[in-house]
Protein backbone atom coordinates (compact mmCIF):
# COMPACT_ATOMS: atom_id res chain seq x y z
CA MET A 1 209.87 179.99 96.14
CA GLY A 2 208.45 182.33 93.60
CA PHE A 3 205.23 184.23 93.86
CA LEU A 4 202.44 185.14 91.46
CA TYR A 5 200.47 188.33 91.84
CA VAL A 6 196.73 188.46 91.40
CA SER A 7 194.65 191.46 90.30
CA SER A 8 194.07 192.49 93.91
CA GLY A 9 197.81 192.94 94.33
CA ARG A 10 197.94 189.94 96.74
CA ARG A 11 200.73 187.57 96.19
CA ILE A 12 200.26 183.85 96.13
CA SER A 13 202.82 180.97 96.00
CA ASP A 14 203.67 179.33 92.71
CA GLU A 15 202.03 176.16 93.93
CA LYS A 16 198.76 177.96 94.68
CA GLY A 17 198.94 179.77 91.38
CA ALA A 18 199.43 176.47 89.57
CA GLU A 19 196.47 175.01 91.37
CA ILE A 20 194.32 177.99 90.22
CA LEU A 21 195.54 177.53 86.60
CA GLN A 22 194.69 173.79 86.91
CA GLU A 23 191.14 174.64 88.10
CA LEU A 24 190.83 177.00 85.07
CA GLY A 25 191.84 174.09 82.82
CA LEU A 26 195.09 175.73 81.73
CA LEU A 27 197.42 173.22 83.44
CA ASP A 28 197.39 169.51 84.38
CA ARG A 29 198.67 168.04 87.56
CA VAL A 30 200.75 165.02 86.79
CA GLU A 31 201.48 162.48 89.57
CA PHE A 32 204.78 160.66 89.66
CA ALA A 33 205.45 157.06 90.91
CA ASP A 34 207.40 158.38 93.90
CA GLY A 35 204.30 160.38 95.09
CA THR A 36 205.44 163.78 93.95
CA HIS A 37 203.57 165.82 91.44
CA HIS A 38 204.26 168.56 88.87
CA PHE A 39 202.08 170.88 86.91
CA ARG A 40 202.46 170.97 83.14
CA PHE A 41 200.78 172.56 80.17
CA CYS A 42 199.12 169.87 78.11
CA HIS A 43 198.19 170.17 74.50
CA ASP A 44 194.57 169.61 75.38
CA ALA A 45 194.53 170.90 78.96
CA GLY A 46 190.99 170.90 80.19
CA ARG A 47 190.06 167.96 77.97
CA HIS A 48 189.64 164.64 79.84
CA HIS A 49 192.78 162.64 79.30
CA HIS A 50 195.39 160.74 81.27
CA HIS A 51 199.21 160.44 81.42
CA VAL A 52 201.89 157.83 81.37
CA THR A 53 205.04 158.81 83.22
CA CYS A 54 208.49 157.30 82.91
CA SER A 55 209.66 156.30 86.45
CA THR A 56 213.33 156.72 85.38
CA CYS A 57 213.60 160.00 83.52
CA GLY A 58 210.23 161.63 84.22
CA LYS A 59 209.05 161.86 80.61
CA VAL A 60 205.26 162.37 80.47
CA SER A 61 203.04 161.46 77.54
CA GLU A 62 199.36 162.19 77.19
CA ILE A 63 197.03 159.23 76.47
CA ASP A 64 193.38 158.89 75.60
CA ALA A 65 192.96 155.47 77.32
CA CYS A 66 190.31 155.57 80.03
CA LEU A 67 188.06 153.43 82.15
CA SER A 68 184.93 152.20 80.51
CA ALA A 69 181.43 153.15 81.69
CA GLU A 70 181.08 149.49 82.80
CA GLN A 71 184.25 149.68 84.90
CA ILE A 72 183.10 152.93 86.57
CA ALA A 73 179.66 151.37 87.24
CA ARG A 74 181.38 148.41 88.84
CA VAL A 75 183.40 150.67 91.16
CA GLU A 76 180.13 152.33 92.13
CA ARG A 77 178.51 148.98 92.92
CA LEU A 78 181.50 147.78 94.89
CA THR A 79 181.92 150.91 96.98
CA GLY A 80 178.48 152.45 97.18
CA PHE A 81 179.87 155.69 95.90
CA ALA A 82 178.31 157.78 93.17
CA ILE A 83 181.46 158.41 91.06
CA GLU A 84 181.81 162.10 89.97
CA GLY A 85 185.23 161.91 88.39
CA HIS A 86 188.55 160.06 88.41
CA ARG A 87 192.23 160.39 87.71
CA LEU A 88 194.10 157.49 86.09
CA GLU A 89 197.91 157.50 86.11
CA PHE A 90 200.24 155.00 84.38
CA PHE A 91 203.91 154.54 85.32
CA GLY A 92 206.64 152.59 83.60
CA ARG A 93 209.91 153.04 81.76
CA CYS A 94 209.94 154.79 78.36
CA GLU A 95 211.66 153.20 75.35
CA ARG A 96 214.80 155.22 75.77
CA CYS A 97 215.24 154.30 79.46
CA ARG A 98 214.74 150.54 78.62
CA GLU A 99 217.67 150.55 76.15
């Protein structure tokens, strides 16, 4: 495991460093169908977007598709929660892996 060093001279794990960069909007956390995750730089990191991930080769594409306000309101009605945010992940096989 590698380590990152912060200005105080303390070292932190790569995973914790990636989480900090995610909180700053510099990296995105991408979930995979097998339950694992990876961090990646996205073209518009920090902008609300989602990902579609190939369950065969791991290719990740950014997409602008999202839940509508009506769908989010329905989730609130069904659960009694006040929704503050969401993460939407799509999984499938990319064109190359389907050939």
